[in-house]
N, C-alpha and C. Protein backbone atom coordinates (compact mmCIF):
# COMPACT_ATOMS: atom_id res chain seq x y z
N MET A 1 1.12 -1.88 -0.22
CA MET A 1 0.42 -0.70 0.17
C MET A 1 1.19 1.65 -0.30
N PRO A 2 0.08 2.27 -0.54
CA PRO A 2 0.71 3.35 -0.77
C PRO A 2 1.43 3.47 0.44
N GLY A 3 2.60 4.26 0.94
CA GLY A 3 3.20 5.37 2.38
C GLY A 3 3.04 4.12 4.25
N ASP A 4 2.86 2.57 2.75
CA ASP A 4 3.10 1.69 3.96
C ASP A 4 5.02 1.66 4.00
N ILE A 5 5.38 1.39 5.11
CA ILE A 5 6.94 1.91 5.91
C ILE A 5 7.61 -0.38 6.19
N VAL A 6 8.96 -0.36 6.08
CA VAL A 6 9.85 -1.36 6.26
C VAL A 6 11.21 -0.89 7.26
N THR A 7 10.59 -1.42 8.01
CA THR A 7 11.64 -1.27 8.87
C THR A 7 12.81 -1.84 8.82
N LEU A 8 13.82 -1.99 8.92
CA LEU A 8 15.45 -2.76 8.54
C LEU A 8 15.47 -3.85 9.89
N PRO A 9 16.28 -4.89 9.80
CA PRO A 9 15.66 -6.07 10.78
C PRO A 9 16.85 -5.59 11.67
N PRO A 10 15.66 -5.84 13.23
CA PRO A 10 16.58 -5.07 14.42
C PRO A 10 17.90 -5.93 14.48
N TYR A 11 18.57 -5.30 15.19
CA TYR A 11 20.14 -5.45 15.58
C TYR A 11 20.24 -5.21 17.34
N ALA A 12 21.05 -6.21 17.52
CA ALA A 12 21.30 -6.53 18.74
C ALA A 12 21.74 -5.92 18.95
N GLY A 13 21.82 -4.81 20.11
CA GLY A 13 22.68 -3.19 20.73
C GLY A 13 21.05 -2.51 20.66
N CYS A 14 20.40 -2.46 19.87
CA CYS A 14 20.09 -1.08 19.69
C CYS A 14 19.20 -0.81 20.46
N LEU A 15 17.72 -0.12 19.50
CA LEU A 15 16.92 0.32 20.49
C LEU A 15 15.53 -0.14 19.40
N PRO A 16 14.19 -1.11 20.97
CA PRO A 16 13.28 -1.92 19.83
C PRO A 16 12.48 -1.31 18.75
N ARG A 17 12.85 -0.67 18.36
CA ARG A 17 11.48 0.68 17.93
C ARG A 17 12.56 1.39 17.05
N PRO A 18 12.94 0.47 15.55
CA PRO A 18 13.99 1.23 14.60
C PRO A 18 13.44 2.25 13.94
N VAL A 19 14.26 3.57 14.21
CA VAL A 19 14.42 4.90 14.28
C VAL A 19 15.02 5.30 13.00
N TRP A 20 15.44 3.96 11.54
CA TRP A 20 15.64 4.47 11.18
C TRP A 20 14.86 3.34 9.24
N LYS A 21 14.25 4.04 8.34
CA LYS A 21 12.98 3.09 7.78
C LYS A 21 13.20 3.38 6.38
N ILE A 22 12.80 2.32 5.26
CA ILE A 22 13.20 3.15 4.34
C ILE A 22 11.30 2.78 3.95
N TRP A 23 11.43 3.77 3.22
CA TRP A 23 9.40 3.97 2.25
C TRP A 23 9.63 3.08 1.40
N MET A 24 8.56 2.69 1.53
CA MET A 24 7.99 1.21 0.10
C MET A 24 7.43 2.65 -1.16
N PRO A 25 7.38 2.79 -2.09
CA PRO A 25 6.56 3.89 -3.59
C PRO A 25 5.43 3.38 -3.15
N SER A 26 5.82 4.76 -3.28
CA SER A 26 3.60 5.58 -3.62
C SER A 26 3.66 6.52 -4.63
N SER A 27 2.95 7.61 -3.89
CA SER A 27 2.85 8.60 -5.33
C SER A 27 4.00 9.91 -4.46
N THR A 28 4.39 10.11 -3.94
CA THR A 28 5.32 10.46 -3.23
C THR A 28 6.13 10.41 -2.43
N THR A 29 6.49 9.48 -2.56
CA THR A 29 8.05 8.25 -2.08
C THR A 29 7.97 7.80 -3.61
N LYS A 30 10.24 7.69 -3.34
CA LYS A 30 11.13 6.75 -4.30
C LYS A 30 11.53 5.56 -3.78
N LYS A 31 11.15 4.56 -4.65
CA LYS A 31 11.75 3.44 -3.64
C LYS A 31 13.31 3.43 -3.69
N PRO A 32 14.01 3.18 -2.72
CA PRO A 32 15.55 3.63 -2.34
C PRO A 32 15.55 1.97 -3.25
N SER A 33 17.23 2.39 -3.75
CA SER A 33 18.26 1.56 -4.28
C SER A 33 18.91 1.13 -3.23
N LEU A 34 18.96 -0.70 -3.38
CA LEU A 34 20.42 -1.06 -4.06
C LEU A 34 20.73 -0.67 -2.56
N ARG A 35 21.39 0.22 -3.22
CA ARG A 35 23.23 1.05 -2.50
C ARG A 35 22.85 1.65 -1.83
N GLU A 36 21.13 2.07 -1.55
CA GLU A 36 20.84 2.59 -0.31
C GLU A 36 20.65 2.20 0.89
N ILE A 37 19.31 0.79 0.31
CA ILE A 37 20.10 -0.30 1.23
C ILE A 37 21.11 -0.48 1.56
N GLN A 38 21.56 -1.13 1.98
CA GLN A 38 22.83 -2.11 1.84
C GLN A 38 24.15 -1.13 3.00
N LYS A 39 24.00 0.86 2.39
CA LYS A 39 23.76 2.10 2.75
C LYS A 39 23.65 2.15 4.79
N GLU A 40 22.53 1.41 4.71
CA GLU A 40 21.48 1.59 5.74
C GLU A 40 22.01 0.80 6.59
N MET A 41 22.17 -0.35 6.24
CA MET A 41 22.13 -2.08 6.88
C MET A 41 24.27 -1.65 7.20
N THR A 42 24.49 -1.38 6.56
CA THR A 42 25.79 -0.98 6.77
C THR A 42 26.12 -0.20 8.12
N LEU A 43 25.36 1.33 8.14
CA LEU A 43 25.24 1.86 9.23
C LEU A 43 25.64 0.80 10.75
N GLU A 44 23.96 0.76 10.12
CA GLU A 44 23.33 -0.07 11.69
C GLU A 44 24.29 -1.46 12.06
N ILE A 45 24.39 -2.57 11.34
CA ILE A 45 25.48 -3.04 11.35
C ILE A 45 27.04 -2.00 12.64
N ILE A 46 27.16 -1.55 12.61
CA ILE A 46 28.39 -0.33 12.60
C ILE A 46 27.65 0.59 13.95
N ARG A 47 26.50 0.59 13.72
CA ARG A 47 25.98 0.98 15.34
C ARG A 47 25.55 0.61 16.27
N LYS A 48 26.01 -1.17 16.07
CA LYS A 48 25.83 -2.37 16.99
C LYS A 48 27.17 -2.64 17.48
N ALA A 49 28.01 -2.23 16.32
CA ALA A 49 29.75 -2.81 17.10
C ALA A 49 29.94 -2.14 18.51
N ALA A 50 29.47 -0.30 17.74
CA ALA A 50 29.98 0.38 18.37
C ALA A 50 29.61 1.04 20.00
N ARG A 51 27.79 0.62 19.79
CA ARG A 51 26.93 0.30 21.03
C ARG A 51 28.13 -1.02 22.02
N LYS A 52 27.79 -1.39 21.44
CA LYS A 52 28.91 -2.90 22.30
C LYS A 52 30.20 -2.75 22.26
N THR A 53 30.47 -2.14 22.07
CA THR A 53 32.10 -1.94 23.05
C THR A 53 32.57 -0.36 23.18
N PHE A 54 31.35 0.44 23.31
CA PHE A 54 31.36 1.50 24.54
C PHE A 54 31.45 0.96 25.73
N TYR A 55 29.72 -0.32 25.64
CA TYR A 55 29.13 -0.35 26.57
C TYR A 55 29.98 -1.06 27.44
N ALA A 56 31.29 -2.22 26.92
CA ALA A 56 32.46 -3.00 27.22
C ALA A 56 33.39 -1.92 27.67
N LYS A 57 33.74 -1.06 27.07
CA LYS A 57 35.14 -0.10 28.14
C LYS A 57 34.61 1.25 28.64
N THR A 58 35.80 2.18 28.04
CA THR A 58 35.24 3.41 28.42
C THR A 58 35.21 3.88 27.07
N PHE A 59 35.01 4.60 27.01
CA PHE A 59 34.42 5.87 25.26
C PHE A 59 36.57 6.14 24.60
N GLU A 60 36.71 5.85 26.13
CA GLU A 60 38.65 6.69 25.78
C GLU A 60 38.92 5.94 25.33
N GLU A 61 38.79 4.74 26.38
CA GLU A 61 39.61 3.10 25.71
C GLU A 61 39.57 1.83 24.55
N VAL A 62 38.09 3.57 23.98
CA VAL A 62 37.35 2.18 22.58
C VAL A 62 38.28 3.09 21.36
N SER A 63 38.83 1.76 20.15
CA SER A 63 39.27 2.04 18.87
C SER A 63 38.88 1.85 17.81
N ILE A 64 39.12 2.80 16.52
CA ILE A 64 37.79 2.20 15.55
C ILE A 64 38.23 1.48 15.17
N GLU A 65 39.52 0.69 15.15
CA GLU A 65 40.05 -0.14 14.78
C GLU A 65 38.66 -1.44 15.68
N GLU A 66 39.11 -1.58 16.71
CA GLU A 66 38.34 -2.19 17.64
C GLU A 66 35.85 -1.79 17.06
N ILE A 67 36.08 -1.37 16.83
CA ILE A 67 34.69 -1.17 16.74
C ILE A 67 34.71 -1.39 14.89
N ALA A 68 35.06 -1.19 14.06
CA ALA A 68 35.52 -1.83 12.97
C ALA A 68 35.51 -3.74 12.68
N SER A 69 36.63 -3.86 13.76
CA SER A 69 36.05 -4.95 13.92
C SER A 69 36.18 -5.68 14.33
N GLU A 70 34.44 -5.42 15.79
CA GLU A 70 32.74 -5.95 16.05
C GLU A 70 32.69 -5.81 15.00
N ALA A 71 32.00 -4.80 13.97
CA ALA A 71 31.35 -4.87 13.16
C ALA A 71 31.66 -5.71 11.65
N GLY A 72 32.94 -6.06 11.82
CA GLY A 72 32.70 -7.00 10.31
C GLY A 72 33.72 -6.04 9.18
N VAL A 73 33.75 -5.05 9.60
CA VAL A 73 33.83 -4.30 8.86
C VAL A 73 35.49 -3.05 8.48
N SER A 74 36.38 -3.12 7.28
CA SER A 74 37.00 -2.84 7.29
C SER A 74 37.58 -1.36 8.52
N ARG A 75 38.78 -0.52 8.25
CA ARG A 75 38.61 1.10 9.32
C ARG A 75 38.05 2.14 8.07
N GLY A 76 38.33 1.73 6.62
CA GLY A 76 38.09 2.19 5.60
C GLY A 76 37.15 2.71 5.24
N THR A 77 35.23 1.34 5.53
CA THR A 77 34.06 1.13 6.26
C THR A 77 33.60 1.98 6.11
N ILE A 78 34.06 2.20 7.89
CA ILE A 78 34.14 3.08 9.45
C ILE A 78 33.99 4.39 8.37
N TYR A 79 34.63 4.76 7.87
CA TYR A 79 35.14 6.35 7.39
C TYR A 79 35.01 6.94 6.93
N LEU A 80 33.80 6.15 5.62
CA LEU A 80 33.29 6.61 5.16
C LEU A 80 32.18 6.74 5.42
N HIS A 81 31.53 6.75 6.20
CA HIS A 81 30.27 6.69 6.76
C HIS A 81 29.97 7.52 8.23
N PHE A 82 31.83 7.86 9.20
CA PHE A 82 31.78 8.58 10.02
C PHE A 82 32.23 9.12 10.00
N THR A 83 33.79 10.25 10.75
CA THR A 83 34.69 11.19 10.70
C THR A 83 36.04 10.67 11.49
N GLY A 84 34.87 10.23 12.73
CA GLY A 84 35.57 9.55 14.21
C GLY A 84 35.03 8.72 14.79
N LYS A 85 35.02 8.31 15.71
CA LYS A 85 34.39 8.17 17.17
C LYS A 85 33.54 9.19 17.67
N ASN A 86 33.99 10.19 18.54
CA ASN A 86 32.53 11.39 18.32
C ASN A 86 31.81 11.37 17.00
N GLU A 87 31.59 11.69 16.66
CA GLU A 87 30.87 11.35 15.33
C GLU A 87 29.42 9.66 15.58
N ILE A 88 31.18 9.28 15.93
CA ILE A 88 29.72 7.74 15.49
C ILE A 88 28.56 8.00 17.01
N LEU A 89 29.73 8.33 18.19
CA LEU A 89 28.37 8.85 19.68
C LEU A 89 27.52 9.29 19.04
N PHE A 90 28.18 10.79 18.51
CA PHE A 90 26.79 11.08 18.36
C PHE A 90 25.35 10.50 17.68
N ASP A 91 25.86 9.94 16.75
CA ASP A 91 24.59 9.23 15.72
C ASP A 91 23.91 8.57 16.30
N LEU A 92 24.93 7.65 17.99
CA LEU A 92 24.06 6.90 18.29
C LEU A 92 23.54 7.30 19.25
N LEU A 93 23.78 8.72 19.92
CA LEU A 93 23.31 9.44 20.82
C LEU A 93 21.92 9.95 19.62
N MET A 94 22.30 11.08 19.21
CA MET A 94 21.00 11.29 18.08
C MET A 94 19.83 10.14 18.00
N GLN A 95 19.78 9.06 17.66
CA GLN A 95 19.15 7.68 17.49
C GLN A 95 17.95 7.12 18.79
N ASP A 96 18.98 7.32 19.50
CA ASP A 96 18.07 7.12 21.12
C ASP A 96 17.31 8.74 21.41
N MET A 97 17.34 9.83 20.89
CA MET A 97 16.68 10.34 21.02
C MET A 97 15.00 10.78 20.18
N ALA A 98 15.91 10.26 18.76
CA ALA A 98 14.91 10.19 17.79
C ALA A 98 14.36 8.76 18.24
N THR A 99 14.57 7.88 18.79
CA THR A 99 13.68 7.29 19.58
C THR A 99 12.04 7.27 20.18
N GLN A 100 12.82 7.88 21.70
CA GLN A 100 12.14 8.39 22.74
C GLN A 100 10.76 9.99 21.37
N MET A 101 11.94 10.86 21.40
CA MET A 101 10.58 11.65 20.80
C MET A 101 9.52 10.97 20.13
N ALA A 102 9.71 9.50 19.66
CA ALA A 102 8.54 8.83 18.65
C ALA A 102 7.77 8.65 19.66
N ILE A 103 7.40 7.37 21.45
CA ILE A 103 7.17 7.84 21.94
C ILE A 103 6.97 9.03 22.62
N TYR A 104 7.16 9.89 22.58
CA TYR A 104 6.64 10.82 23.40
C TYR A 104 5.29 11.66 22.41
N ASP A 105 5.39 11.50 20.67
CA ASP A 105 4.79 11.87 19.58
C ASP A 105 3.06 10.94 19.82
N GLU A 106 3.77 8.95 20.90
CA GLU A 106 2.60 8.60 20.43
C GLU A 106 1.27 9.20 21.91
N LEU A 107 2.09 9.51 22.65
CA LEU A 107 1.41 11.04 23.98
C LEU A 107 0.46 12.24 22.74
N ALA A 108 1.11 12.30 22.36
CA ALA A 108 0.53 13.88 21.31
C ALA A 108 -0.60 13.07 20.87
N GLN A 109 -0.88 11.87 19.85
CA GLN A 109 -1.60 11.35 18.73
C GLN A 109 -2.79 10.83 19.64
N THR A 110 -2.72 10.50 21.20
CA THR A 110 -3.13 9.95 22.09
C THR A 110 -4.52 11.22 22.19
N GLU A 111 -5.65 10.96 22.00
CA GLU A 111 -7.06 12.34 21.78
C GLU A 111 -7.33 12.64 23.42
N ALA A 112 -7.68 11.18 23.82
CA ALA A 112 -8.49 11.21 25.18
C ALA A 112 -7.48 10.77 26.23
N PRO A 113 -6.47 11.52 26.54
CA PRO A 113 -5.74 11.28 27.40
C PRO A 113 -5.38 10.29 29.27
N ASP A 114 -6.98 9.62 29.84
CA ASP A 114 -7.75 8.37 30.21
C ASP A 114 -6.44 8.81 31.28
N ARG A 115 -6.96 7.70 32.70
CA ARG A 115 -5.66 7.46 33.31
C ARG A 115 -5.13 5.86 32.61
N PRO A 116 -6.06 4.90 32.80
CA PRO A 116 -5.56 4.08 31.22
C PRO A 116 -4.61 4.29 30.62
N ARG A 117 -4.87 5.11 29.52
CA ARG A 117 -3.80 5.13 28.02
C ARG A 117 -3.29 6.10 29.22
N VAL A 118 -2.91 7.00 29.79
CA VAL A 118 -1.41 7.53 30.48
C VAL A 118 -0.53 5.66 31.33
N ARG A 119 -1.47 5.54 31.73
CA ARG A 119 -0.36 4.07 32.67
C ARG A 119 -0.32 3.51 31.77
N ALA A 120 -0.46 2.79 30.32
CA ALA A 120 -0.16 1.95 30.07
C ALA A 120 1.33 2.55 28.59
N TRP A 121 1.04 3.99 28.12
CA TRP A 121 2.32 5.10 27.90
C TRP A 121 3.16 5.28 29.18
N LEU A 122 3.28 5.53 30.32
CA LEU A 122 4.04 5.51 31.49
C LEU A 122 5.25 4.09 30.48
N GLN A 123 4.85 3.19 31.42
CA GLN A 123 5.21 1.70 31.24
C GLN A 123 5.74 1.22 30.05
N HIS A 124 5.08 1.55 28.56
CA HIS A 124 5.92 1.77 27.81
C HIS A 124 6.56 2.62 27.32
N PHE A 125 6.96 4.46 27.99
CA PHE A 125 8.52 4.99 28.27
C PHE A 125 8.96 3.84 28.95
N ARG A 126 8.42 3.60 30.19
CA ARG A 126 9.31 3.44 31.42
C ARG A 126 10.55 2.07 30.70
N ASP A 127 9.53 0.48 30.17
CA ASP A 127 10.55 -0.11 29.16
C ASP A 127 11.89 0.62 28.17
N SER A 128 11.22 0.88 27.74
CA SER A 128 12.17 1.82 26.68
C SER A 128 13.13 2.27 27.42
N MET A 129 13.27 2.94 28.40
CA MET A 129 14.39 3.52 29.47
C MET A 129 14.65 2.36 29.98
N GLU A 130 13.79 1.65 30.14
CA GLU A 130 15.12 0.27 31.22
C GLU A 130 16.21 -0.34 29.57
N GLU A 131 15.52 -0.61 28.99
CA GLU A 131 16.36 -0.94 27.26
C GLU A 131 17.84 -0.30 27.17
N ARG A 132 17.87 1.15 26.79
CA ARG A 132 18.55 1.97 26.62
C ARG A 132 19.67 2.38 27.40
N HIS A 133 18.86 1.34 28.94
CA HIS A 133 19.76 2.07 30.36
C HIS A 133 21.02 2.56 29.54
N ARG A 134 21.98 1.37 29.66
CA ARG A 134 23.10 1.22 29.87
C ARG A 134 24.05 2.88 28.41
N SER A 135 22.34 2.56 27.49
CA SER A 135 22.91 3.63 26.69
C SER A 135 22.89 5.24 27.35
N MET A 136 22.33 5.48 28.40
CA MET A 136 21.47 6.07 28.77
C MET A 136 23.64 7.26 29.54
N HIS A 137 23.58 6.38 29.65
CA HIS A 137 25.25 6.40 30.54
C HIS A 137 26.48 7.40 29.65
N LEU A 138 26.62 7.32 28.11
CA LEU A 138 26.86 7.94 26.89
C LEU A 138 26.74 9.58 26.71
N PHE A 139 25.64 9.92 27.74
CA PHE A 139 25.73 11.22 27.03
C PHE A 139 26.39 12.42 28.07
N PRO A 140 26.57 11.55 29.88
CA PRO A 140 27.92 12.81 30.16
C PRO A 140 28.80 12.48 29.01
N VAL A 141 29.51 11.66 28.77
CA VAL A 141 30.35 10.88 27.93
C VAL A 141 30.40 12.18 26.47
N ALA A 142 29.86 12.11 25.71
CA ALA A 142 29.37 12.68 25.10
C ALA A 142 29.76 14.48 25.14
N PHE A 143 29.44 14.14 25.90
CA PHE A 143 28.88 15.90 25.33
C PHE A 143 30.04 16.35 26.47
N VAL A 144 30.79 15.57 27.23
CA VAL A 144 32.68 15.82 27.99
C VAL A 144 33.31 16.33 25.97
N HIS A 145 33.16 15.54 25.62
CA HIS A 145 33.91 15.36 25.07
C HIS A 145 33.50 16.47 23.65
N MET A 146 32.27 16.56 23.53
CA MET A 146 31.43 17.79 21.87
C MET A 146 29.79 18.58 22.62
N PRO A 147 30.81 19.41 23.24
CA PRO A 147 29.92 20.03 24.78
C PRO A 147 29.41 21.77 23.89
N GLU A 148 30.01 21.50 22.38
CA GLU A 148 29.29 22.17 21.46
C GLU A 148 27.86 21.79 20.93
N ARG A 149 27.60 20.93 21.24
CA ARG A 149 26.20 19.48 20.49
C ARG A 149 25.67 19.69 22.51
N GLN A 150 25.56 20.04 23.17
CA GLN A 150 24.54 20.00 23.97
C GLN A 150 22.97 21.07 23.76
N HIS A 151 23.43 21.89 22.76
CA HIS A 151 22.43 22.23 22.83
C HIS A 151 21.30 21.28 22.29
N VAL A 152 21.57 19.38 21.56
CA VAL A 152 20.67 19.48 21.34
C VAL A 152 19.14 18.47 22.37
N VAL A 153 19.79 18.50 23.70
CA VAL A 153 19.00 17.99 24.22
C VAL A 153 18.21 19.35 24.30
N VAL A 154 18.42 20.35 24.48
CA VAL A 154 17.39 20.96 24.25
C VAL A 154 16.03 21.19 23.48
N LYS A 155 17.02 21.47 22.79
CA LYS A 155 16.28 21.84 21.76
C LYS A 155 15.13 20.27 21.29
N HIS A 156 15.64 18.96 22.12
CA HIS A 156 15.36 17.88 20.97
C HIS A 156 14.00 18.13 22.86
N ARG A 157 13.69 18.57 23.49
CA ARG A 157 12.85 18.49 24.48
C ARG A 157 11.99 20.07 23.91
N GLU A 158 12.30 21.44 23.48
CA GLU A 158 11.28 21.52 22.98
C GLU A 158 11.01 21.69 21.35
N THR A 159 11.83 20.44 20.99
CA THR A 159 10.44 19.72 20.53
C THR A 159 9.53 18.63 21.33
N ALA A 160 9.93 18.47 21.62
CA ALA A 160 8.95 16.94 22.12
C ALA A 160 7.69 17.80 22.72
N ILE A 161 7.90 19.04 24.30
CA ILE A 161 7.24 19.80 23.90
C ILE A 161 6.35 20.75 22.84
N ARG A 162 6.43 20.79 21.75
CA ARG A 162 6.09 21.84 20.86
C ARG A 162 4.80 20.32 20.04
N HIS A 163 5.22 19.25 19.70
CA HIS A 163 4.73 17.91 19.05
C HIS A 163 3.13 18.01 20.22
N LEU A 164 3.66 18.20 21.41
CA LEU A 164 2.52 17.80 22.36
C LEU A 164 1.86 18.94 22.36
N GLY A 165 2.18 19.87 22.68
CA GLY A 165 1.48 20.82 22.88
C GLY A 165 0.29 21.21 21.32
N GLU A 166 1.04 20.30 20.38
CA GLU A 166 0.11 20.69 19.09
C GLU A 166 -1.11 19.75 19.73
N ARG A 167 -1.68 19.33 20.37
CA ARG A 167 -2.51 18.50 20.94
C ARG A 167 -2.99 18.57 22.36
N HIS A 168 -2.59 18.56 23.26
CA HIS A 168 -2.94 18.56 24.70
C HIS A 168 -2.72 20.21 24.87
N LYS A 169 -3.20 20.69 25.06
CA LYS A 169 -2.87 22.22 26.32
C LYS A 169 -2.07 22.62 26.99
N ALA A 170 -1.85 21.77 28.38
CA ALA A 170 -1.35 21.24 28.06
C ALA A 170 0.36 21.32 28.55
N PHE A 171 0.47 21.80 27.66
CA PHE A 171 1.84 21.30 27.09
C PHE A 171 1.78 22.53 26.94
N SER A 172 1.02 23.09 25.88
CA SER A 172 0.83 24.45 24.75
C SER A 172 1.40 25.52 25.52
N LEU A 173 2.41 26.35 24.69
CA LEU A 173 2.09 27.98 25.08
C LEU A 173 2.13 29.06 24.75
N GLU A 174 0.75 28.62 24.17
CA GLU A 174 0.38 29.20 22.64
C GLU A 174 0.22 30.99 23.16
N GLY A 175 0.20 31.89 23.33
CA GLY A 175 -0.84 32.83 23.53
C GLY A 175 -0.23 33.47 25.01
N LEU A 176 0.93 32.55 25.13
CA LEU A 176 1.36 33.10 26.49
C LEU A 176 3.83 33.99 26.30
N SER A 177 2.98 34.59 27.31
CA SER A 177 4.37 35.58 27.16
C SER A 177 4.91 36.26 28.32
N GLY A 178 5.88 36.43 28.31
CA GLY A 178 6.80 36.84 29.74
C GLY A 178 6.76 36.17 30.72
N LEU A 179 7.04 36.70 31.44
CA LEU A 179 6.07 35.61 33.36
C LEU A 179 5.80 34.65 33.14
N ASP A 180 4.32 34.11 33.03
CA ASP A 180 3.54 33.43 32.71
C ASP A 180 3.61 32.60 31.83
N ARG A 181 4.73 32.68 30.66
CA ARG A 181 5.71 31.83 28.92
C ARG A 181 5.41 31.08 30.25
N GLU A 182 7.53 31.65 31.26
CA GLU A 182 8.42 31.20 31.26
C GLU A 182 7.66 29.72 32.44
N ARG A 183 6.67 30.61 33.12
CA ARG A 183 6.62 29.55 34.48
C ARG A 183 5.52 28.54 34.24
N LYS A 184 5.06 28.53 33.20
CA LYS A 184 4.27 27.14 32.35
C LYS A 184 5.32 26.46 31.51
N ARG A 185 5.96 26.95 30.44
CA ARG A 185 7.39 26.75 30.06
C ARG A 185 7.82 25.55 31.99
N ALA A 186 8.73 26.13 33.18
CA ALA A 186 9.07 25.65 33.79
C ALA A 186 8.36 24.64 34.03
N SER A 187 6.57 24.46 33.77
CA SER A 187 6.05 23.07 34.48
C SER A 187 5.97 22.00 33.93
N ILE A 188 5.97 22.52 32.48
CA ILE A 188 6.45 21.22 31.94
C ILE A 188 7.62 20.80 31.66
N TYR A 189 8.46 21.07 31.72
CA TYR A 189 9.73 20.65 31.53
C TYR A 189 10.23 19.76 33.56
N MET A 190 9.22 20.95 33.69
CA MET A 190 9.15 19.87 34.98
C MET A 190 9.17 18.38 35.60
N MET A 191 7.77 18.12 34.66
CA MET A 191 6.70 17.37 34.33
C MET A 191 7.74 16.37 33.21
N LEU A 192 8.45 16.75 32.19
CA LEU A 192 9.23 15.43 31.22
C LEU A 192 10.32 15.67 32.46
N PHE A 193 10.65 15.55 33.17
CA PHE A 193 12.26 15.55 34.07
C PHE A 193 11.49 14.17 34.43
N LYS A 194 10.25 14.17 35.77
CA LYS A 194 10.09 13.36 36.44
C LYS A 194 9.70 12.00 35.41
N ILE A 195 9.79 12.60 35.17
CA ILE A 195 8.51 10.85 33.24
C ILE A 195 10.26 10.45 33.11
N GLU A 196 11.23 11.47 32.95
CA GLU A 196 12.75 10.61 32.52
C GLU A 196 13.26 10.11 33.31
N GLN A 197 13.37 11.01 34.91
CA GLN A 197 13.78 10.22 36.20
C GLN A 197 13.32 9.45 36.30
N VAL A 198 11.50 9.19 36.23
CA VAL A 198 11.24 8.19 37.52
C VAL A 198 11.36 6.31 36.47
N SER A 199 11.45 6.40 35.54
CA SER A 199 11.26 6.05 34.23
C SER A 199 12.86 5.52 34.54
N TYR A 200 13.79 5.90 34.11
CA TYR A 200 14.90 6.08 34.12
C TYR A 200 15.68 4.35 35.44
N THR A 201 15.30 5.71 36.70
CA THR A 201 16.34 5.41 38.05
C THR A 201 15.24 4.04 38.96
N PHE A 202 13.51 4.84 38.74
CA PHE A 202 13.19 3.54 40.11
C PHE A 202 13.68 2.00 39.36
N SER A 203 13.85 1.02 39.74
CA SER A 203 13.81 0.34 40.65
C SER A 203 14.73 -0.83 39.53
N ILE A 204 15.71 0.48 39.31
CA ILE A 204 16.76 -0.71 37.68
C ILE A 204 17.97 -0.23 39.11
N LEU A 205 18.68 1.64 39.93
CA LEU A 205 19.46 2.07 40.71
C LEU A 205 18.95 0.84 42.02
N GLU A 206 20.30 0.68 42.26
CA GLU A 206 20.26 -0.49 43.67
C GLU A 206 19.28 0.79 44.92
N GLY A 207 18.24 0.04 45.78
CA GLY A 207 17.69 1.90 46.82
C GLY A 207 16.95 1.94 46.40
N THR A 208 16.74 1.68 45.12
CA THR A 208 15.30 3.57 44.70
C THR A 208 14.24 2.68 44.50
N PRO A 209 12.98 3.32 45.07
CA PRO A 209 11.70 3.26 44.94
C PRO A 209 11.19 2.22 43.27
N ASP A 210 10.21 1.15 44.13
CA ASP A 210 9.07 0.64 43.78
C ASP A 210 9.09 1.17 41.83
N ILE A 211 9.34 0.31 40.99
CA ILE A 211 8.99 0.95 39.62
C ILE A 211 7.69 1.28 39.46
N THR A 212 6.85 -0.11 40.04
CA THR A 212 4.84 -0.01 39.65
C THR A 212 4.28 0.98 40.94
N VAL A 213 5.13 1.18 42.01
CA VAL A 213 4.05 2.42 42.73
C VAL A 213 4.84 3.54 42.45
N GLY A 214 6.14 4.42 41.28
CA GLY A 214 6.18 5.60 40.94
C GLY A 214 5.68 5.47 39.83
N LEU A 215 5.09 4.46 38.72
CA LEU A 215 4.80 5.07 36.91
C LEU A 215 2.62 4.52 38.48
N ASP A 216 2.30 3.89 38.90
CA ASP A 216 1.42 4.49 39.35
C ASP A 216 0.44 6.23 39.38
N MET A 217 1.98 6.45 40.27
CA MET A 217 1.87 7.85 41.11
C MET A 217 2.25 8.75 40.07
N LEU A 218 3.13 8.46 39.33
CA LEU A 218 3.04 9.24 37.84
C LEU A 218 2.22 9.59 36.97
N ALA A 219 1.23 8.37 36.60
CA ALA A 219 -0.14 8.61 36.13
C ALA A 219 -1.27 9.59 36.35
N ASP A 220 -1.31 9.12 37.40
CA ASP A 220 -1.78 9.75 38.26
C ASP A 220 -1.95 12.06 38.74
N GLU A 221 -0.83 12.23 38.50
CA GLU A 221 -0.18 13.52 38.35
C GLU A 221 -0.43 13.81 36.74
N LEU A 222 0.15 12.81 36.23
CA LEU A 222 0.63 12.73 34.92
C LEU A 222 -1.07 13.44 34.33
N THR A 223 -2.23 12.62 34.33
CA THR A 223 -3.15 12.67 33.93
C THR A 223 -4.33 13.84 34.52
N GLU A 224 -4.31 14.32 35.72
CA GLU A 224 -4.08 15.37 35.43
C GLU A 224 -3.93 16.96 35.28
N PHE A 225 -2.29 16.08 35.23
CA PHE A 225 -1.19 17.75 33.87
C PHE A 225 -1.78 17.60 33.15
N LEU A 226 -2.82 16.87 32.51
CA LEU A 226 -2.80 16.95 30.49
C LEU A 226 -4.25 16.77 30.91
N LEU A 227 -4.77 17.23 31.88
CA LEU A 227 -7.03 17.50 31.59
C LEU A 227 -6.74 18.78 32.80
N SER A 228 -5.57 19.55 32.11
CA SER A 228 -5.13 20.89 33.26
C SER A 228 -5.34 22.24 31.92
N LYS A 229 -5.89 22.95 32.08
CA LYS A 229 -5.76 24.11 31.03
C LYS A 229 -4.64 25.22 30.86
C-alpha cells in the first residue's frame, strides 16, 4: 500500500523501535536503491558494534579498529560513514533521542488521555528507558568530548513540548508571554524531567523506589496535568 513502512531488521544492542525506516514507493516517495539499502544496513551494523564496544569499555579506551573488528568491516568502511569516534557516539545519541521522540509523539497523538491510557504509555516509556539504560551513560561522555553540541538536548525537549502542545493544551505555550510563559514552560520541563527520571531510575538503580508504585503515582499526576488548562 502507498506509504507503507518497512523497517530494517532489528540489531542486538540497538533500540527496540527502529528509528531508521525505508519507505516503500507511493505517489510521493521514491523506492530506495539497493545501494541505499546496503548503506543503511552497514550503518546499523556499525552502530550495533559501537554500542557493544562503548558499553564494554570507556569511550577513551575504544578505538575505531575495535569497532571495525566487532562490526566485521574495514577501518576504511567506518570512515566512509563517520569522521571518527565522536561522530559515531553522537549518531547513537541522536538515534536514542529520535526513539524517545517517537514515544512522546505517541502521547501527543492520544486524543483522550484518560488514566489507563496514560499509565500504559508510561509503562511503554519505562520499558524503552530500561532497555537503553546503558546507553544513557553515554550522554555525559558525549558532551564532555563535544560540549558545543549540548544544545541538542534542549532542542530535543523543545521539540517534544511543541509536538505535545499541538494536541494537549497543558503542554501548549501558545498565546503566553513574559513570566506567564516561563512559569508554564518550567512546569512542562519539570513534568518531562519527572517522567524521564522515574522511568530511568526507579527499580533500576539500587535502593530506589518500586517502579510500579512510581508509575502509578506518576500516571495520576500526568493525567491531572493533561486535563489542566
